[in-house]
PDB file of N, CA and C in Angstrom:
ATOM      1  N   MET A   1       0.938  -1.145   0.054  1.00  0.00           N
ATOM      2  CA  MET A   1       0.062  -0.021   0.073  1.00  0.00           C
ATOM      3  C   MET A   1       0.874   1.253  -0.005  1.00  0.00           C
ATOM      4  N   TYR A   2       0.755   1.947  -1.009  1.00  0.00           N
ATOM      5  CA  TYR A   2       1.742   3.082  -1.321  1.00  0.00           C
ATOM      6  C   TYR A   2       0.960   4.281  -1.593  1.00  0.00           C
ATOM      7  N   LYS A   3       1.501   5.546  -1.058  1.00  0.00           N
ATOM      8  CA  LYS A   3       0.686   6.730  -1.284  1.00  0.00           C
ATOM      9  C   LYS A   3       1.376   7.370  -2.477  1.00  0.00           C
ATOM     10  N   ALA A   4       2.615   7.898  -2.439  1.00  0.00           N
ATOM     11  CA  ALA A   4       3.299   8.512  -3.329  1.00  0.00           C
ATOM     12  C   ALA A   4       4.813   8.685  -2.935  1.00  0.00           C
ATOM     13  N   ASP A   5       5.646   8.983  -3.881  1.00  0.00           N
ATOM     14  CA  ASP A   5       7.104   9.182  -3.709  1.00  0.00           C
ATOM     15  C   ASP A   5       7.455  10.268  -2.523  1.00  0.00           C
ATOM     16  N   TYR A   6       6.510  11.146  -2.424  1.00  0.00           N
ATOM     17  CA  TYR A   6       6.692  12.228  -1.313  1.00  0.00           C
ATOM     18  C   TYR A   6       6.521  11.658   0.081  1.00  0.00           C
ATOM     19  N   CYS A   7       5.868  10.465   0.228  1.00  0.00           N
ATOM     20  CA  CYS A   7       5.630   9.784   1.451  1.00  0.00           C
ATOM     21  C   CYS A   7       6.773   8.939   1.765  1.00  0.00           C
ATOM     22  N   LEU A   8       7.725   9.619   2.728  1.00  0.00           N
ATOM     23  CA  LEU A   8       8.953   8.888   2.943  1.00  0.00           C
ATOM     24  C   LEU A   8       8.807   7.454   3.598  1.00  0.00           C
ATOM     25  N   PRO A   9       7.784   7.179   4.464  1.00  0.00           N
ATOM     26  CA  PRO A   9       7.754   5.886   4.926  1.00  0.00           C
ATOM     27  C   PRO A   9       7.305   4.938   3.706  1.00  0.00           C
ATOM     28  N   CYS A  10       6.396   5.344   2.880  1.00  0.00           N
ATOM     29  CA  CYS A  10       5.966   4.569   1.683  1.00  0.00           C
ATOM     30  C   CYS A  10       7.240   4.283   0.822  1.00  0.00           C
ATOM     31  N   PHE A  11       8.015   5.375   0.578  1.00  0.00           N
ATOM     32  CA  PHE A  11       9.219   5.145  -0.281  1.00  0.00           C
ATOM     33  C   PHE A  11      10.171   4.133   0.364  1.00  0.00           C
ATOM     34  N   TYR A  12      10.413   4.242   1.626  1.00  0.00           N
ATOM     35  CA  TYR A  12      11.393   3.330   2.132  1.00  0.00           C
ATOM     36  C   TYR A  12      10.767   1.847   2.437  1.00  0.00           C
ATOM     37  N   MET A  13       9.535   1.737   2.523  1.00  0.00           N
ATOM     38  CA  MET A  13       8.858   0.418   2.582  1.00  0.00           C
ATOM     39  C   MET A  13       9.138  -0.224   1.165  1.00  0.00           C
ATOM     40  N   ASP A  14       8.835   0.503   0.161  1.00  0.00           N
ATOM     41  CA  ASP A  14       8.965   0.107  -1.228  1.00  0.00           C
ATOM     42  C   ASP A  14      10.463  -0.364  -1.464  1.00  0.00           C
ATOM     43  N   GLU A  15      11.469   0.534  -0.999  1.00  0.00           N
ATOM     44  CA  GLU A  15      12.909   0.161  -1.185  1.00  0.00           C
ATOM     45  C   GLU A  15      13.274  -1.151  -0.401  1.00  0.00           C
ATOM     46  N   MET A  16      12.661  -1.420   0.772  1.00  0.00           N
ATOM     47  CA  MET A  16      12.976  -2.489   1.542  1.00  0.00           C
ATOM     48  C   MET A  16      12.505  -3.732   0.726  1.00  0.00           C
ATOM     49  N   VAL A  17      11.233  -3.685   0.163  1.00  0.00           N
ATOM     50  CA  VAL A  17      10.707  -4.769  -0.551  1.00  0.00           C
ATOM     51  C   VAL A  17      11.695  -5.090  -1.713  1.00  0.00           C
ATOM     52  N   ARG A  18      11.965  -3.967  -2.518  1.00  0.00           N
ATOM     53  CA  ARG A  18      12.751  -4.166  -3.612  1.00  0.00           C
ATOM     54  C   ARG A  18      14.217  -4.713  -3.476  1.00  0.00           C
ATOM     55  N   SER A  19      14.616  -4.454  -2.125  1.00  0.00           N
ATOM     56  CA  SER A  19      16.063  -4.895  -1.899  1.00  0.00           C
ATOM     57  C   SER A  19      16.034  -6.444  -1.519  1.00  0.00           C
ATOM     58  N   VAL A  20      14.966  -7.055  -1.254  1.00  0.00           N
ATOM     59  CA  VAL A  20      15.006  -8.496  -1.026  1.00  0.00           C
ATOM     60  C   VAL A  20      14.401  -9.251  -2.225  1.00  0.00           C
ATOM     61  N   LEU A  21      13.808  -8.565  -3.187  1.00  0.00           N
ATOM     62  CA  LEU A  21      13.241  -9.348  -4.281  1.00  0.00           C
ATOM     63  C   LEU A  21      14.099 -10.079  -5.100  1.00  0.00           C
ATOM     64  N   PRO A  22      15.306  -9.738  -5.289  1.00  0.00           N
ATOM     65  CA  PRO A  22      16.362 -10.515  -6.154  1.00  0.00           C
ATOM     66  C   PRO A  22      16.499 -11.894  -5.559  1.00  0.00           C
ATOM     67  N   ASN A  23      16.335 -12.035  -4.220  1.00  0.00           N
ATOM     68  CA  ASN A  23      16.579 -13.312  -3.693  1.00  0.00           C
ATOM     69  C   ASN A  23      15.326 -14.223  -3.793  1.00  0.00           C
ATOM     70  N   TYR A  24      14.266 -13.652  -4.384  1.00  0.00           N
ATOM     71  CA  TYR A  24      12.954 -14.468  -4.580  1.00  0.00           C
ATOM     72  C   TYR A  24      12.494 -14.338  -5.975  1.00  0.00           C
ATOM     73  N   ALA A  25      13.351 -14.003  -6.911  1.00  0.00           N
ATOM     74  CA  ALA A  25      13.085 -13.619  -8.275  1.00  0.00           C
ATOM     75  C   ALA A  25      11.914 -14.441  -8.997  1.00  0.00           C
ATOM     76  N   ASP A  26      11.957 -15.698  -8.854  1.00  0.00           N
ATOM     77  CA  ASP A  26      10.949 -16.519  -9.739  1.00  0.00           C
ATOM     78  C   ASP A  26       9.929 -17.050  -8.793  1.00  0.00           C
ATOM     79  N   ARG A  27       9.871 -16.612  -7.503  1.00  0.00           N
ATOM     80  CA  ARG A  27       8.840 -17.116  -6.569  1.00  0.00           C
ATOM     81  C   ARG A  27       7.963 -16.166  -6.001  1.00  0.00           C
ATOM     82  N   VAL A  28       8.314 -14.913  -6.196  1.00  0.00           N
ATOM     83  CA  VAL A  28       7.532 -13.740  -5.523  1.00  0.00           C
ATOM     84  C   VAL A  28       7.210 -12.677  -6.581  1.00  0.00           C
ATOM     85  N   GLU A  29       5.937 -12.361  -6.713  1.00  0.00           N
ATOM     86  CA  GLU A  29       5.485 -11.226  -7.515  1.00  0.00           C
ATOM     87  C   GLU A  29       5.147  -9.997  -6.654  1.00  0.00           C
ATOM     88  N   TYR A  30       5.822  -8.895  -6.890  1.00  0.00           N
ATOM     89  CA  TYR A  30       5.366  -7.638  -6.117  1.00  0.00           C
ATOM     90  C   TYR A  30       4.587  -6.677  -6.902  1.00  0.00           C
ATOM     91  N   ARG A  31       3.599  -6.219  -6.306  1.00  0.00           N
ATOM     92  CA  ARG A  31       2.700  -5.182  -6.911  1.00  0.00           C
ATOM     93  C   ARG A  31       2.616  -4.144  -6.043  1.00  0.00           C
ATOM     94  N   ARG A  32       2.926  -2.965  -6.395  1.00  0.00           N
ATOM     95  CA  ARG A  32       2.743  -1.760  -5.452  1.00  0.00           C
ATOM     96  C   ARG A  32       1.380  -1.233  -5.727  1.00  0.00           C
ATOM     97  N   VAL A  33       0.580  -0.955  -4.696  1.00  0.00           N
ATOM     98  CA  VAL A  33      -0.774  -0.451  -4.883  1.00  0.00           C
ATOM     99  C   VAL A  33      -0.678   1.190  -4.611  1.00  0.00           C
ATOM    100  N   ASP A  34      -0.656   1.800  -5.672  1.00  0.00           N
ATOM    101  CA  ASP A  34      -0.616   3.356  -5.458  1.00  0.00           C
ATOM    102  C   ASP A  34      -2.070   3.817  -5.272  1.00  0.00           C
ATOM    103  N   PHE A  35      -2.423   4.018  -4.064  1.00  0.00           N
ATOM    104  CA  PHE A  35      -3.870   4.074  -3.740  1.00  0.00           C
ATOM    105  C   PHE A  35      -4.385   5.525  -4.108  1.00  0.00           C
ATOM    106  N   LEU A  36      -3.527   6.402  -4.758  1.00  0.00           N
ATOM    107  CA  LEU A  36      -4.229   7.667  -5.185  1.00  0.00           C
ATOM    108  C   LEU A  36      -4.314   7.581  -6.711  1.00  0.00           C
ATOM    109  N   LYS A  37      -4.054   6.422  -7.288  1.00  0.00           N
ATOM    110  CA  LYS A  37      -4.325   6.312  -8.831  1.00  0.00           C
ATOM    111  C   LYS A  37      -5.138   5.212  -9.063  1.00  0.00           C
ATOM    112  N   GLY A  38      -5.927   5.340 -10.123  1.00  0.00           N
ATOM    113  CA  GLY A  38      -6.865   4.422 -10.692  1.00  0.00           C
ATOM    114  C   GLY A  38      -7.174   3.193  -9.930  1.00  0.00           C
ATOM    115  N   GLU A  39      -6.786   1.992 -10.400  1.00  0.00           N
ATOM    116  CA  GLU A  39      -7.178   0.668  -9.822  1.00  0.00           C
ATOM    117  C   GLU A  39      -6.685   0.637  -8.379  1.00  0.00           C
ATOM    118  N   GLY A  40      -5.566   1.303  -7.991  1.00  0.00           N
ATOM    119  CA  GLY A  40      -5.193   1.313  -6.598  1.00  0.00           C
ATOM    120  C   GLY A  40      -6.218   1.834  -5.722  1.00  0.00           C
ATOM    121  N   LYS A  41      -6.999   2.747  -6.089  1.00  0.00           N
ATOM    122  CA  LYS A  41      -8.113   3.255  -5.049  1.00  0.00           C
ATOM    123  C   LYS A  41      -9.008   2.154  -4.795  1.00  0.00           C
ATOM    124  N   GLU A  42      -9.391   1.396  -5.821  1.00  0.00           N
ATOM    125  CA  GLU A  42     -10.309   0.150  -5.641  1.00  0.00           C
ATOM    126  C   GLU A  42      -9.671  -0.817  -4.716  1.00  0.00           C
ATOM    127  N   ARG A  43      -8.363  -1.090  -5.024  1.00  0.00           N
ATOM    128  CA  ARG A  43      -7.663  -2.220  -4.144  1.00  0.00           C
ATOM    129  C   ARG A  43      -7.704  -1.721  -2.691  1.00  0.00           C
ATOM    130  N   PHE A  44      -7.341  -0.374  -2.464  1.00  0.00           N
ATOM    131  CA  PHE A  44      -7.169   0.160  -1.198  1.00  0.00           C
ATOM    132  C   PHE A  44      -8.569  -0.010  -0.372  1.00  0.00           C
ATOM    133  N   LEU A  45      -9.576   0.180  -1.039  1.00  0.00           N
ATOM    134  CA  LEU A  45     -10.896   0.097  -0.440  1.00  0.00           C
ATOM    135  C   LEU A  45     -11.304  -1.441  -0.161  1.00  0.00           C
ATOM    136  N   GLU A  46     -10.870  -2.362  -1.088  1.00  0.00           N
ATOM    137  CA  GLU A  46     -10.966  -3.722  -0.808  1.00  0.00           C
ATOM    138  C   GLU A  46     -10.322  -4.238   0.349  1.00  0.00           C
ATOM    139  N   LEU A  47      -9.015  -3.883   0.382  1.00  0.00           N
ATOM    140  CA  LEU A  47      -8.205  -4.260   1.567  1.00  0.00           C
ATOM    141  C   LEU A  47      -8.662  -3.594   2.927  1.00  0.00           C
ATOM    142  N   SER A  48      -9.160  -2.413   2.845  1.00  0.00           N
ATOM    143  CA  SER A  48      -9.774  -1.776   3.906  1.00  0.00           C
ATOM    144  C   SER A  48     -10.838  -2.497   4.443  1.00  0.00           C
ATOM    145  N   GLN A  49     -11.718  -2.818   3.551  1.00  0.00           N
ATOM    146  CA  GLN A  49     -12.912  -3.618   3.901  1.00  0.00           C
ATOM    147  C   GLN A  49     -12.581  -4.900   4.391  1.00  0.00           C
ATOM    148  N   PHE A  50     -11.640  -5.628   3.997  1.00  0.00           N
ATOM    149  CA  PHE A  50     -11.127  -6.826   4.412  1.00  0.00           C
ATOM    150  C   PHE A  50     -10.775  -6.753   5.894  1.00  0.00           C
ATOM    151  N   LEU A  51     -10.219  -5.617   6.203  1.00  0.00           N
ATOM    152  CA  LEU A  51      -9.738  -5.490   7.777  1.00  0.00           C
ATOM    153  C   LEU A  51     -10.898  -5.003   8.595  1.00  0.00           C
ATOM    154  N   PHE A  52     -11.748  -4.061   8.134  1.00  0.00           N
ATOM    155  CA  PHE A  52     -12.712  -3.525   8.928  1.00  0.00           C
ATOM    156  C   PHE A  52     -14.085  -3.590   8.733  1.00  0.00           C
ATOM    157  N   GLY A  53     -14.420  -4.303   7.509  1.00  0.00           N
ATOM    158  CA  GLY A  53     -15.755  -4.464   7.020  1.00  0.00           C
ATOM    159  C   GLY A  53     -16.322  -3.164   6.356  1.00  0.00           C
ATOM    160  N   GLU A  54     -17.390  -3.269   5.642  1.00  0.00           N
ATOM    161  CA  GLU A  54     -17.941  -2.053   4.991  1.00  0.00           C
ATOM    162  C   GLU A  54     -18.473  -1.114   5.912  1.00  0.00           C
ATOM    163  N   GLU A  55     -19.027  -1.427   7.028  1.00  0.00           N
ATOM    164  CA  GLU A  55     -19.402  -0.388   8.082  1.00  0.00           C
ATOM    165  C   GLU A  55     -18.260   0.233   8.737  1.00  0.00           C
ATOM    166  N   GLY A  56     -17.194  -0.535   8.957  1.00  0.00           N
ATOM    167  CA  GLY A  56     -15.981   0.141   9.441  1.00  0.00           C
ATOM    168  C   GLY A  56     -15.427   1.302   8.506  1.00  0.00           C
ATOM    169  N   VAL A  57     -15.498   0.766   7.332  1.00  0.00           N
ATOM    170  CA  VAL A  57     -15.005   1.748   6.201  1.00  0.00           C
ATOM    171  C   VAL A  57     -15.707   2.902   6.079  1.00  0.00           C
ATOM    172  N   TYR A  58     -17.047   2.763   5.774  1.00  0.00           N
ATOM    173  CA  TYR A  58     -17.980   3.768   5.255  1.00  0.00           C
ATOM    174  C   TYR A  58     -18.571   4.572   6.451  1.00  0.00           C
ATOM    175  N   LYS A  59     -18.888   3.838   7.540  1.00  0.00           N
ATOM    176  CA  LYS A  59     -19.565   4.583   8.702  1.00  0.00           C
ATOM    177  C   LYS A  59     -18.420   5.128   9.648  1.00  0.00           C
ATOM    178  N   HIS A  60     -17.375   4.424   9.903  1.00  0.00           N
ATOM    179  CA  HIS A  60     -16.392   4.749  10.796  1.00  0.00           C
ATOM    180  C   HIS A  60     -15.116   5.231  10.228  1.00  0.00           C
ATOM    181  N   CYS A  61     -14.999   5.270   8.948  1.00  0.00           N
ATOM    182  CA  CYS A  61     -13.846   5.765   8.301  1.00  0.00           C
ATOM    183  C   CYS A  61     -12.551   5.135   8.705  1.00  0.00           C
ATOM    184  N   ARG A  62     -12.531   3.777   8.898  1.00  0.00           N
ATOM    185  CA  ARG A  62     -11.444   2.990   9.127  1.00  0.00           C
ATOM    186  C   ARG A  62     -10.803   2.536   7.805  1.00  0.00           C
ATOM    187  N   LEU A  63      -9.545   2.754   7.678  1.00  0.00           N
ATOM    188  CA  LEU A  63      -8.865   2.518   6.421  1.00  0.00           C
ATOM    189  C   LEU A  63      -7.610   1.772   6.610  1.00  0.00           C
ATOM    190  N   ALA A  64      -7.141   1.000   5.749  1.00  0.00           N
ATOM    191  CA  ALA A  64      -5.939   0.234   5.817  1.00  0.00           C
ATOM    192  C   ALA A  64      -4.736   1.172   6.085  1.00  0.00           C
ATOM    193  N   PRO A  65      -3.738   0.694   6.810  1.00  0.00           N
ATOM    194  CA  PRO A  65      -2.640   1.575   7.145  1.00  0.00           C
ATOM    195  C   PRO A  65      -1.833   1.830   5.910  1.00  0.00           C
ATOM    196  N   VAL A  66      -1.204   2.985   5.998  1.00  0.00           N
ATOM    197  CA  VAL A  66      -0.306   3.475   4.883  1.00  0.00           C
ATOM    198  C   VAL A  66       0.975   3.835   5.580  1.00  0.00           C
ATOM    199  N   PRO A  67       2.139   3.281   5.208  1.00  0.00           N
ATOM    200  CA  PRO A  67       2.407   2.219   4.247  1.00  0.00           C
ATOM    201  C   PRO A  67       1.888   0.901   4.927  1.00  0.00           C
ATOM    202  N   SER A  68       1.758  -0.152   4.044  1.00  0.00           N
ATOM    203  CA  SER A  68       1.501  -1.493   4.649  1.00  0.00           C
ATOM    204  C   SER A  68       1.962  -2.417   3.713  1.00  0.00           C
ATOM    205  N   LEU A  69       2.402  -3.555   4.124  1.00  0.00           N
ATOM    206  CA  LEU A  69       2.810  -4.680   3.211  1.00  0.00           C
ATOM    207  C   LEU A  69       1.858  -5.826   3.412  1.00  0.00           C
ATOM    208  N   TRP A  70       1.253  -6.363   2.390  1.00  0.00           N
ATOM    209  CA  TRP A  70       0.406  -7.383   2.346  1.00  0.00           C
ATOM    210  C   TRP A  70       0.972  -8.620   1.481  1.00  0.00           C
ATOM    211  N   ILE A  71       0.794  -9.803   2.084  1.00  0.00           N
ATOM    212  CA  ILE A  71       1.230 -10.944   1.217  1.00  0.00           C
ATOM    213  C   ILE A  71       0.013 -11.917   1.130  1.00  0.00           C
ATOM    214  N   ASN A  72      -0.380 -12.123  -0.195  1.00  0.00           N
ATOM    215  CA  ASN A  72      -1.506 -13.023  -0.470  1.00  0.00           C
ATOM    216  C   ASN A  72      -2.734 -12.400   0.241  1.00  0.00           C
ATOM    217  N   GLY A  73      -2.890 -11.234   0.126  1.00  0.00           N
ATOM    218  CA  GLY A  73      -4.172 -10.487   0.740  1.00  0.00           C
ATOM    219  C   GLY A  73      -4.228 -10.395   2.213  1.00  0.00           C
ATOM    220  N   GLU A  74      -3.211 -10.669   2.969  1.00  0.00           N
ATOM    221  CA  GLU A  74      -3.119 -10.663   4.345  1.00  0.00           C
ATOM    222  C   GLU A  74      -2.175  -9.593   4.739  1.00  0.00           C
ATOM    223  N   LEU A  75      -2.514  -8.799   5.700  1.00  0.00           N
ATOM    224  CA  LEU A  75      -1.679  -7.719   6.169  1.00  0.00           C
ATOM    225  C   LEU A  75      -0.504  -8.270   7.076  1.00  0.00           C
ATOM    226  N   PHE A  76       0.673  -8.153   6.657  1.00  0.00           N
ATOM    227  CA  PHE A  76       1.806  -8.605   7.339  1.00  0.00           C
ATOM    228  C   PHE A  76       2.608  -7.415   8.037  1.00  0.00           C
ATOM    229  N   PHE A  77       2.641  -6.387   7.525  1.00  0.00           N
ATOM    230  CA  PHE A  77       3.431  -5.292   8.070  1.00  0.00           C
ATOM    231  C   PHE A  77       2.758  -4.007   7.887  1.00  0.00           C
ATOM    232  N   ASP A  78       2.529  -3.146   9.029  1.00  0.00           N
ATOM    233  CA  ASP A  78       2.020  -1.831   8.875  1.00  0.00           C
ATOM    234  C   ASP A  78       3.217  -0.716   9.221  1.00  0.00           C
ATOM    235  N   ALA A  79       4.326  -1.172   9.131  1.00  0.00           N
ATOM    236  CA  ALA A  79       5.448  -0.249   9.312  1.00  0.00           C
ATOM    237  C   ALA A  79       6.639  -0.962   8.551  1.00  0.00           C
ATOM    238  N   ILE A  80       7.705  -0.221   8.242  1.00  0.00           N
ATOM    239  CA  ILE A  80       8.848  -0.777   7.526  1.00  0.00           C
ATOM    240  C   ILE A  80       9.429  -1.805   8.319  1.00  0.00           C
ATOM    241  N   PRO A  81       9.446  -3.068   7.815  1.00  0.00           N
ATOM    242  CA  PRO A  81      10.036  -4.190   8.552  1.00  0.00           C
ATOM    243  C   PRO A  81      11.615  -4.191   8.390  1.00  0.00           C
ATOM    244  N   PRO A  82      12.289  -4.728   9.280  1.00  0.00           N
ATOM    245  CA  PRO A  82      13.686  -4.996   9.124  1.00  0.00           C
ATOM    246  C   PRO A  82      13.725  -6.048   8.104  1.00  0.00           C
ATOM    247  N   GLN A  83      14.859  -6.089   7.363  1.00  0.00           N
ATOM    248  CA  GLN A  83      15.095  -6.985   6.308  1.00  0.00           C
ATOM    249  C   GLN A  83      14.870  -8.478   6.657  1.00  0.00           C
ATOM    250  N   PHE A  84      15.375  -8.803   7.791  1.00  0.00           N
ATOM    251  CA  PHE A  84      15.434 -10.326   8.306  1.00  0.00           C
ATOM    252  C   PHE A  84      13.945 -10.648   8.588  1.00  0.00           C
ATOM    253  N   GLU A  85      12.947  -9.745   8.927  1.00  0.00           N
ATOM    254  CA  GLU A  85      11.716 -10.016   9.271  1.00  0.00           C
ATOM    255  C   GLU A  85      10.911 -10.259   8.062  1.00  0.00           C
ATOM    256  N   LEU A  86      11.223  -9.322   7.067  1.00  0.00           N
ATOM    257  CA  LEU A  86      10.487  -9.575   5.763  1.00  0.00           C
ATOM    258  C   LEU A  86      10.892 -10.767   5.116  1.00  0.00           C
ATOM    259  N   GLU A  87      12.170 -11.208   5.213  1.00  0.00           N
ATOM    260  CA  GLU A  87      12.565 -12.457   4.460  1.00  0.00           C
ATOM    261  C   GLU A  87      12.013 -13.583   5.322  1.00  0.00           C
ATOM    262  N   GLU A  88      11.888 -13.586   6.616  1.00  0.00           N
ATOM    263  CA  GLU A  88      11.208 -14.656   7.332  1.00  0.00           C
ATOM    264  C   GLU A  88       9.775 -14.704   7.008  1.00  0.00           C
ATOM    265  N   ALA A  89       9.004 -13.678   6.779  1.00  0.00           N
ATOM    266  CA  ALA A  89       7.677 -13.701   6.351  1.00  0.00           C
ATOM    267  C   ALA A  89       7.514 -14.231   5.060  1.00  0.00           C
ATOM    268  N   LEU A  90       8.502 -13.934   4.227  1.00  0.00           N
ATOM    269  CA  LEU A  90       8.270 -14.543   2.768  1.00  0.00           C
ATOM    270  C   LEU A  90       8.634 -16.006   2.726  1.00  0.00           C
ATOM    271  N   GLU A  91       9.526 -16.452   3.469  1.00  0.00           N
ATOM    272  CA  GLU A  91       9.948 -17.802   3.617  1.00  0.00           C
ATOM    273  C   GLU A  91       8.705 -18.685   4.295  1.00  0.00           C
ATOM    274  N   GLU A  92       8.076 -18.047   5.239  1.00  0.00           N
ATOM    275  CA  GLU A  92       7.026 -18.703   5.859  1.00  0.00           C
ATOM    276  C   GLU A  92       5.836 -18.967   4.849  1.00  0.00           C
ATOM    277  N   VAL A  93       5.542 -17.875   4.111  1.00  0.00           N
ATOM    278  CA  VAL A  93       4.466 -18.056   3.147  1.00  0.00           C
ATOM    279  C   VAL A  93       4.827 -19.095   1.978  1.00  0.00           C
ATOM    280  N   LEU A  94       6.136 -19.014   1.566  1.00  0.00           N
ATOM    281  CA  LEU A  94       6.545 -19.938   0.544  1.00  0.00           C
ATOM    282  C   LEU A  94       6.584 -21.395   1.102  1.00  0.00           C
ATOM    283  N   ASP A  95       6.909 -21.474   2.435  1.00  0.00           N
ATOM    284  CA  ASP A  95       6.943 -22.883   2.880  1.00  0.00           C
ATOM    285  C   ASP A  95       5.474 -23.412   2.959  1.00  0.00           C
ATOM    286  N   GLN A  96       4.509 -22.507   3.212  1.00  0.00           N
ATOM    287  CA  GLN A  96       3.157 -22.915   3.331  1.00  0.00           C
ATOM    288  C   GLN A  96       2.685 -23.387   1.979  1.00  0.00           C
ATOM    289  N   HIS A  97       3.139 -22.708   0.925  1.00  0.00           N
ATOM    290  CA  HIS A  97       2.673 -23.054  -0.445  1.00  0.00           C
ATOM    291  C   HIS A  97       3.202 -24.393  -0.878  1.00  0.00           C
ATOM    292  N   ARG A  98       4.597 -24.616  -0.516  1.00  0.00           N
ATOM    293  CA  ARG A  98       5.256 -25.963  -0.643  1.00  0.00           C
ATOM    294  C   ARG A  98       4.492 -26.960  -0.101  1.00  0.00           C
ATOM    295  N   ASP A  99       4.070 -26.753   1.215  1.00  0.00           N
ATOM    296  CA  ASP A  99       3.294 -27.856   1.965  1.00  0.00           C
ATOM    297  C   ASP A  99       2.104 -28.207   1.283  1.00  0.00           C
ATOM    298  N   ILE A 100       1.341 -27.211   0.849  1.00  0.00           N
ATOM    299  CA  ILE A 100      -0.009 -27.392   0.000  1.00  0.00           C
ATOM    300  C   ILE A 100       0.275 -28.107  -1.268  1.00  0.00           C
ATOM    301  N   ALA A 101       1.342 -27.806  -2.089  1.00  0.00           N
ATOM    302  CA  ALA A 101       1.673 -28.330  -3.194  1.00  0.00           C
ATOM    303  C   ALA A 101       1.873 -29.911  -3.026  1.00  0.00           C
ATOM    304  N   LYS A 102       2.619 -30.122  -1.851  1.00  0.00           N
ATOM    305  CA  LYS A 102       2.911 -31.530  -1.573  1.00  0.00           C
ATOM    306  C   LYS A 102       1.764 -32.357  -1.322  1.00  0.00           C
ATOM    307  N   LYS A 103       0.769 -31.825  -0.605  1.00  0.00           N
ATOM    308  CA  LYS A 103      -0.402 -32.483  -0.135  1.00  0.00           C
ATOM    309  C   LYS A 103      -1.352 -32.728  -1.463  1.00  0.00           C
ATOM    310  N   GLU A 104      -1.248 -31.862  -2.439  1.00  0.00           N
ATOM    311  CA  GLU A 104      -1.948 -31.991  -3.594  1.00  0.00           C
ATOM    312  C   GLU A 104      -1.507 -33.096  -4.630  1.00  0.00           C
ATOM    313  N   GLU A 105      -0.175 -33.456  -4.360  1.00  0.00           N
ATOM    314  CA  GLU A 105       0.356 -34.423  -5.303  1.00  0.00           C
ATOM    315  C   GLU A 105      -0.177 -35.866  -4.919  1.00  0.00           C
TER     316      GLU A 105
END
C-alpha cells in the first residue's frame, strides 16, 4: 500500500521490498498499490473492507494503514520491517505453499 514518492515511509517500505526481491526472483511477484491512482483506489478500499468491514470503512472511516505490506491478501506489516523479518515472512508463506503443493500431489 503506497501513497506517493513524497511519502517517505512509503518510499522506504518500497525500497525494503525491492532490496529483497532479487533473492526471490521467480517465486514472488511484487505489486505496489498506488492508492491515489486508478485501480489502486479500488484495491485500497477492498483491503480496508477486508480489515474493517463495509461499516468500518464507510461509517467509521477506518482504512488500511499506509504504508503497509500485504502478502496474499493478508496484512503482514504496517510499518517498514527489518530485512530479516521481511525475509522470514516470505519464507513462511513460501513454505506454506510448498506444503500445500505436496499435499495435492
